[in-house]
Amino acid sequence: MIKTNQKEKSVLVTPRRFGDQRGFVAEIYSRREYVKMGIEADFVQDNHSLSREVGTLRGLHFQAPPYAQNKLVRCGRGAIFDVVVDIRKGSSSYGQWEGYELSAENGHQLYVPIGFAHGFVTLESDTEIVYKFSDYYAPETEGAIRWNDPDLGVEWPLKGNPILSDKDANAPLLKNFKSPFIFGDYV
C-alpha cells in the first residue's frame, strides 16, 4: 500500500491565454508555476487519446503502487466531463467525487493526485485528451471502480447509455474494492 499526502486533492487549473484575431497562445505547463500551486509531480510520460463519439465514457481508472501516478489532464479538442473519486482509505472524503468540464474552449486542466480514481465522458464528438503522468504505464497495476456505482452517485451528464469498454462496464463496486492507497504522508 502507498500512503498519500493528506493535503493533496484534485486541482482545477486555468492557464492564462493571450490571444488576438489569429487565435491564442497559452503556457499549459510550467513546473515553476505548478510548484507555486502546490503541485510538485515530476511528470515522465504524456498520452493522447481520441474518443470519436459523444457519450464515450472511460473510467474510473487508477494505477496502483508501486507505479501509482499523478495525472494532469487537459482537453485539446472537444469537451469532457472529468471526474475524480477519492479512494484513499482513512480520508474524510473517501468515496466522494468531484466533476469538472474540461474543453478546448475553456482551456481548463485537472490535476489528479495519487489516490484518486479518474474518468471522463465525452460531451462532443472527436474529443481529444492529453495527459501527463508522474510514472510510466504499468498494465499489471491498472485498476478501476465501476463508473455507475450507486454508492458513489456520480452525476454523469449522459443522454442515454454510455459507450464503454468491457473492463469499465465490469469494474468492481467501491464496497468490494480493497484500496492500495492510505490517507497520510508519502512513504
C-alpha atoms as a PDB file:
ATOM      1  CA  MET A   1       0.000   0.000   0.000  1.00  0.00           C
ATOM      2  CA  ILE A   2       1.055   3.580  -0.519  1.00  0.00           C
ATOM      3  CA  LYS A   3       0.371   6.415   1.877  1.00  0.00           C
ATOM      4  CA  THR A   4      -0.721   9.568   0.097  1.00  0.00           C
ATOM      5  CA  ASN A   5      -0.222  13.162   1.074  1.00  0.00           C
ATOM      6  CA  GLN A   6      -3.149  14.240   3.211  1.00  0.00           C
ATOM      7  CA  LYS A   7      -3.024  17.737   1.735  1.00  0.00           C
ATOM      8  CA  GLU A   8      -3.306  16.569  -1.861  1.00  0.00           C
ATOM      9  CA  LYS A   9      -6.589  16.990  -3.670  1.00  0.00           C
ATOM     10  CA  SER A  10      -7.629  17.494  -7.234  1.00  0.00           C
ATOM     11  CA  VAL A  11      -6.925  20.989  -8.552  1.00  0.00           C
ATOM     12  CA  LEU A  12      -8.676  22.717 -11.431  1.00  0.00           C
ATOM     13  CA  VAL A  13      -6.150  24.858 -13.302  1.00  0.00           C
ATOM     14  CA  THR A  14      -6.949  27.522 -15.893  1.00  0.00           C
ATOM     15  CA  PRO A  15      -3.814  28.610 -17.771  1.00  0.00           C
ATOM     16  CA  ARG A  16      -3.827  32.195 -18.987  1.00  0.00           C
ATOM     17  CA  ARG A  17      -4.394  32.653 -22.700  1.00  0.00           C
ATOM     18  CA  PHE A  18      -3.034  35.508 -24.783  1.00  0.00           C
ATOM     19  CA  GLY A  19      -4.933  35.988 -27.985  1.00  0.00           C
ATOM     20  CA  ASP A  20      -5.899  38.156 -30.873  1.00  0.00           C
ATOM     21  CA  GLN A  21      -7.825  37.702 -34.135  1.00  0.00           C
ATOM     22  CA  ARG A  22      -5.483  34.858 -35.156  1.00  0.00           C
ATOM     23  CA  GLY A  23      -6.140  32.706 -32.093  1.00  0.00           C
ATOM     24  CA  PHE A  24      -4.256  32.345 -28.816  1.00  0.00           C
ATOM     25  CA  VAL A  25      -1.150  31.022 -27.099  1.00  0.00           C
ATOM     26  CA  ALA A  26      -1.188  29.514 -23.601  1.00  0.00           C
ATOM     27  CA  GLU A  27       1.549  28.178 -21.384  1.00  0.00           C
ATOM     28  CA  ILE A  28      -0.045  24.841 -20.485  1.00  0.00           C
ATOM     29  CA  TYR A  29       2.709  23.592 -18.184  1.00  0.00           C
ATOM     30  CA  SER A  30       5.450  25.315 -16.222  1.00  0.00           C
ATOM     31  CA  ARG A  31       6.961  23.350 -13.355  1.00  0.00           C
ATOM     32  CA  ARG A  32       7.751  26.610 -11.540  1.00  0.00           C
ATOM     33  CA  GLU A  33       4.128  27.802 -11.718  1.00  0.00           C
ATOM     34  CA  TYR A  34       2.705  24.421 -10.725  1.00  0.00           C
ATOM     35  CA  VAL A  35       5.016  24.212  -7.694  1.00  0.00           C
ATOM     36  CA  LYS A  36       3.652  27.621  -6.613  1.00  0.00           C
ATOM     37  CA  MET A  37       0.191  25.983  -6.644  1.00  0.00           C
ATOM     38  CA  GLY A  38       1.461  23.082  -4.536  1.00  0.00           C
ATOM     39  CA  ILE A  39       1.694  20.612  -7.425  1.00  0.00           C
ATOM     40  CA  GLU A  40       5.153  19.062  -7.315  1.00  0.00           C
ATOM     41  CA  ALA A  41       4.659  15.990  -9.501  1.00  0.00           C
ATOM     42  CA  ASP A  42       7.560  15.031 -11.717  1.00  0.00           C
ATOM     43  CA  PHE A  43       5.868  14.111 -14.996  1.00  0.00           C
ATOM     44  CA  VAL A  44       7.592  11.412 -17.075  1.00  0.00           C
ATOM     45  CA  GLN A  45       5.053  10.358 -19.732  1.00  0.00           C
ATOM     46  CA  ASP A  46       2.438  12.055 -21.928  1.00  0.00           C
ATOM     47  CA  ASN A  47      -0.505  10.236 -23.531  1.00  0.00           C
ATOM     48  CA  HIS A  48      -3.031  11.415 -26.114  1.00  0.00           C
ATOM     49  CA  SER A  49      -6.455   9.826 -26.576  1.00  0.00           C
ATOM     50  CA  LEU A  50      -9.256  10.276 -29.088  1.00  0.00           C
ATOM     51  CA  SER A  51     -12.894   9.422 -28.420  1.00  0.00           C
ATOM     52  CA  ARG A  52     -14.935   9.549 -31.596  1.00  0.00           C
ATOM     53  CA  GLU A  53     -18.478   9.612 -30.228  1.00  0.00           C
ATOM     54  CA  VAL A  54     -20.402  11.711 -27.711  1.00  0.00           C
ATOM     55  CA  GLY A  55     -21.099   9.628 -24.611  1.00  0.00           C
ATOM     56  CA  THR A  56     -17.848   7.678 -24.660  1.00  0.00           C
ATOM     57  CA  LEU A  57     -17.068   7.003 -21.010  1.00  0.00           C
ATOM     58  CA  ARG A  58     -13.606   5.994 -19.830  1.00  0.00           C
ATOM     59  CA  GLY A  59     -13.032   5.213 -16.169  1.00  0.00           C
ATOM     60  CA  LEU A  60     -12.909   5.308 -13.276  1.00  0.00           C
ATOM     61  CA  HIS A  61      -9.223   4.299 -13.526  1.00  0.00           C
ATOM     62  CA  PHE A  62      -6.090   4.387 -11.400  1.00  0.00           C
ATOM     63  CA  GLN A  63      -2.666   2.781 -11.355  1.00  0.00           C
ATOM     64  CA  ALA A  64      -1.667   1.098  -8.067  1.00  0.00           C
ATOM     65  CA  PRO A  65       1.680   1.115  -6.298  1.00  0.00           C
ATOM     66  CA  PRO A  66       4.485   0.719  -6.935  1.00  0.00           C
ATOM     67  CA  TYR A  67       3.597   2.575 -10.147  1.00  0.00           C
ATOM     68  CA  ALA A  68       0.909   4.931  -8.830  1.00  0.00           C
ATOM     69  CA  GLN A  69       0.504   8.082 -10.911  1.00  0.00           C
ATOM     70  CA  ASN A  70      -0.320  11.735 -10.517  1.00  0.00           C
ATOM     71  CA  LYS A  71      -2.069  12.972 -13.672  1.00  0.00           C
ATOM     72  CA  LEU A  72      -2.535  16.321 -15.352  1.00  0.00           C
ATOM     73  CA  VAL A  73      -5.443  16.129 -17.789  1.00  0.00           C
ATOM     74  CA  ARG A  74      -6.462  18.598 -20.476  1.00  0.00           C
ATOM     75  CA  CYS A  75      -8.798  18.583 -23.436  1.00  0.00           C
ATOM     76  CA  GLY A  76      -7.122  19.631 -26.685  1.00  0.00           C
ATOM     77  CA  ARG A  77     -10.232  19.282 -28.850  1.00  0.00           C
ATOM     78  CA  GLY A  78     -13.900  18.934 -27.963  1.00  0.00           C
ATOM     79  CA  ALA A  79     -15.170  18.676 -24.378  1.00  0.00           C
ATOM     80  CA  ILE A  80     -15.425  16.228 -21.497  1.00  0.00           C
ATOM     81  CA  PHE A  81     -16.991  15.965 -18.079  1.00  0.00           C
ATOM     82  CA  ASP A  82     -13.993  14.905 -15.988  1.00  0.00           C
ATOM     83  CA  VAL A  83     -14.442  13.080 -12.670  1.00  0.00           C
ATOM     84  CA  VAL A  84     -12.148  12.209  -9.749  1.00  0.00           C
ATOM     85  CA  VAL A  85     -13.032   9.949  -6.815  1.00  0.00           C
ATOM     86  CA  ASP A  86     -11.042   9.823  -3.574  1.00  0.00           C
ATOM     87  CA  ILE A  87     -10.030   6.173  -2.962  1.00  0.00           C
ATOM     88  CA  ARG A  88      -7.598   6.795  -0.074  1.00  0.00           C
ATOM     89  CA  LYS A  89      -8.512   4.667   2.954  1.00  0.00           C
ATOM     90  CA  GLY A  90      -8.889   6.854   6.027  1.00  0.00           C
ATOM     91  CA  SER A  91      -9.592  10.048   4.078  1.00  0.00           C
ATOM     92  CA  SER A  92     -12.566  12.114   5.254  1.00  0.00           C
ATOM     93  CA  SER A  93     -13.570  12.389   1.582  1.00  0.00           C
ATOM     94  CA  TYR A  94     -13.192   8.653   0.771  1.00  0.00           C
ATOM     95  CA  GLY A  95     -15.687   7.671  -1.931  1.00  0.00           C
ATOM     96  CA  GLN A  96     -16.600  11.284  -2.736  1.00  0.00           C
ATOM     97  CA  TRP A  97     -16.370  12.627  -6.257  1.00  0.00           C
ATOM     98  CA  GLU A  98     -15.813  15.947  -7.985  1.00  0.00           C
ATOM     99  CA  GLY A  99     -16.587  16.726 -11.615  1.00  0.00           C
ATOM    100  CA  TYR A 100     -15.441  19.478 -13.959  1.00  0.00           C
ATOM    101  CA  GLU A 101     -15.987  20.369 -17.595  1.00  0.00           C
ATOM    102  CA  LEU A 102     -12.726  20.485 -19.498  1.00  0.00           C
ATOM    103  CA  SER A 103     -12.838  21.709 -23.068  1.00  0.00           C
ATOM    104  CA  ALA A 104     -10.623  23.071 -25.780  1.00  0.00           C
ATOM    105  CA  GLU A 105     -12.619  26.282 -25.449  1.00  0.00           C
ATOM    106  CA  ASN A 106     -12.271  26.849 -21.684  1.00  0.00           C
ATOM    107  CA  GLY A 107      -8.663  25.568 -21.500  1.00  0.00           C
ATOM    108  CA  HIS A 108      -9.123  24.089 -18.006  1.00  0.00           C
ATOM    109  CA  GLN A 109      -6.796  21.351 -16.826  1.00  0.00           C
ATOM    110  CA  LEU A 110      -7.324  18.939 -13.931  1.00  0.00           C
ATOM    111  CA  TYR A 111      -4.574  17.740 -11.621  1.00  0.00           C
ATOM    112  CA  VAL A 112      -5.418  14.254 -10.296  1.00  0.00           C
ATOM    113  CA  PRO A 113      -3.166  13.180  -7.403  1.00  0.00           C
ATOM    114  CA  ILE A 114      -2.190   9.662  -6.429  1.00  0.00           C
ATOM    115  CA  GLY A 115      -5.023   8.004  -4.523  1.00  0.00           C
ATOM    116  CA  PHE A 116      -7.827   9.229  -6.768  1.00  0.00           C
ATOM    117  CA  ALA A 117      -9.660   7.280  -9.462  1.00  0.00           C
ATOM    118  CA  HIS A 118     -10.211   9.228 -12.677  1.00  0.00           C
ATOM    119  CA  GLY A 119     -12.666   9.046 -15.539  1.00  0.00           C
ATOM    120  CA  PHE A 120     -14.485  11.149 -18.099  1.00  0.00           C
ATOM    121  CA  VAL A 121     -17.355  11.163 -20.543  1.00  0.00           C
ATOM    122  CA  THR A 122     -17.181  12.964 -23.885  1.00  0.00           C
ATOM    123  CA  LEU A 123     -19.574  15.852 -24.495  1.00  0.00           C
ATOM    124  CA  GLU A 124     -18.583  16.363 -28.138  1.00  0.00           C
ATOM    125  CA  SER A 125     -17.596  14.008 -30.941  1.00  0.00           C
ATOM    126  CA  ASP A 126     -13.919  13.603 -31.871  1.00  0.00           C
ATOM    127  CA  THR A 127     -12.738  14.751 -28.455  1.00  0.00           C
ATOM    128  CA  GLU A 128      -9.002  14.582 -27.786  1.00  0.00           C
ATOM    129  CA  ILE A 129      -7.465  14.378 -24.319  1.00  0.00           C
ATOM    130  CA  VAL A 130      -3.807  14.876 -23.427  1.00  0.00           C
ATOM    131  CA  TYR A 131      -2.466  13.548 -20.118  1.00  0.00           C
ATOM    132  CA  LYS A 132       0.791  13.974 -18.229  1.00  0.00           C
ATOM    133  CA  PHE A 133       1.738  11.111 -15.867  1.00  0.00           C
ATOM    134  CA  SER A 134       4.225  11.007 -12.984  1.00  0.00           C
ATOM    135  CA  ASP A 135       5.040   7.325 -13.577  1.00  0.00           C
ATOM    136  CA  TYR A 136       5.198   5.062 -16.584  1.00  0.00           C
ATOM    137  CA  TYR A 137       2.310   2.886 -17.721  1.00  0.00           C
ATOM    138  CA  ALA A 138       2.355  -0.475 -15.938  1.00  0.00           C
ATOM    139  CA  PRO A 139      -0.639  -2.576 -17.077  1.00  0.00           C
ATOM    140  CA  GLU A 140      -0.171  -5.105 -14.280  1.00  0.00           C
ATOM    141  CA  THR A 141      -1.095  -2.363 -11.759  1.00  0.00           C
ATOM    142  CA  GLU A 142      -4.180  -1.000 -13.546  1.00  0.00           C
ATOM    143  CA  GLY A 143      -7.370  -0.780 -11.546  1.00  0.00           C
ATOM    144  CA  ALA A 144     -10.865   0.611 -11.874  1.00  0.00           C
ATOM    145  CA  ILE A 145     -14.041   1.378  -9.926  1.00  0.00           C
ATOM    146  CA  ARG A 146     -17.433   0.983 -11.609  1.00  0.00           C
ATOM    147  CA  TRP A 147     -18.475   4.225 -13.304  1.00  0.00           C
ATOM    148  CA  ASN A 148     -22.123   3.940 -12.176  1.00  0.00           C
ATOM    149  CA  ASP A 149     -21.574   2.667  -8.632  1.00  0.00           C
ATOM    150  CA  PRO A 150     -24.680   3.768  -6.701  1.00  0.00           C
ATOM    151  CA  ASP A 151     -22.582   4.380  -3.571  1.00  0.00           C
ATOM    152  CA  LEU A 152     -20.580   6.997  -5.488  1.00  0.00           C
ATOM    153  CA  GLY A 153     -23.571   8.642  -7.139  1.00  0.00           C
ATOM    154  CA  VAL A 154     -21.571  10.364  -9.873  1.00  0.00           C
ATOM    155  CA  GLU A 155     -23.930  12.594 -11.839  1.00  0.00           C
ATOM    156  CA  TRP A 156     -22.692  11.915 -15.359  1.00  0.00           C
ATOM    157  CA  PRO A 157     -24.249  14.258 -17.974  1.00  0.00           C
ATOM    158  CA  LEU A 158     -25.424  11.395 -20.184  1.00  0.00           C
ATOM    159  CA  LYS A 159     -28.231  11.362 -22.730  1.00  0.00           C
ATOM    160  CA  GLY A 160     -28.715   7.595 -22.885  1.00  0.00           C
ATOM    161  CA  ASN A 161     -26.336   4.724 -22.317  1.00  0.00           C
ATOM    162  CA  PRO A 162     -22.597   5.432 -22.423  1.00  0.00           C
ATOM    163  CA  ILE A 163     -20.150   3.774 -24.804  1.00  0.00           C
ATOM    164  CA  LEU A 164     -17.981   1.611 -22.519  1.00  0.00           C
ATOM    165  CA  SER A 165     -15.168  -0.923 -22.659  1.00  0.00           C
ATOM    166  CA  ASP A 166     -15.900  -4.336 -21.147  1.00  0.00           C
ATOM    167  CA  LYS A 167     -13.318  -3.563 -18.441  1.00  0.00           C
ATOM    168  CA  ASP A 168     -15.151  -0.406 -17.382  1.00  0.00           C
ATOM    169  CA  ALA A 169     -18.611  -1.999 -17.570  1.00  0.00           C
ATOM    170  CA  ASN A 170     -17.467  -4.816 -15.254  1.00  0.00           C
ATOM    171  CA  ALA A 171     -15.222  -2.904 -12.831  1.00  0.00           C
ATOM    172  CA  PRO A 172     -15.791  -3.619  -9.132  1.00  0.00           C
ATOM    173  CA  LEU A 173     -18.045  -1.551  -6.914  1.00  0.00           C
ATOM    174  CA  LEU A 174     -16.395   0.588  -4.238  1.00  0.00           C
ATOM    175  CA  LYS A 175     -17.802  -1.622  -1.448  1.00  0.00           C
ATOM    176  CA  ASN A 176     -15.943  -4.626  -2.967  1.00  0.00           C
ATOM    177  CA  PHE A 177     -12.733  -2.683  -3.578  1.00  0.00           C
ATOM    178  CA  LYS A 178      -9.621  -3.057  -1.414  1.00  0.00           C
ATOM    179  CA  SER A 179      -7.790   0.219  -1.857  1.00  0.00           C
ATOM    180  CA  PRO A 180      -3.985   0.130  -2.031  1.00  0.00           C
ATOM    181  CA  PHE A 181      -3.927   3.831  -1.015  1.00  0.00           C
ATOM    182  CA  ILE A 182      -3.858   5.114   2.588  1.00  0.00           C
ATOM    183  CA  PHE A 183      -4.569   8.688   3.605  1.00  0.00           C
ATOM    184  CA  GLY A 184      -1.424  10.113   5.240  1.00  0.00           C
ATOM    185  CA  ASP A 185       2.057  11.221   4.338  1.00  0.00           C
ATOM    186  CA  TYR A 186       4.139   9.832   1.499  1.00  0.00           C
ATOM    187  CA  VAL A 187       6.382   6.941   2.435  1.00  0.00           C
END
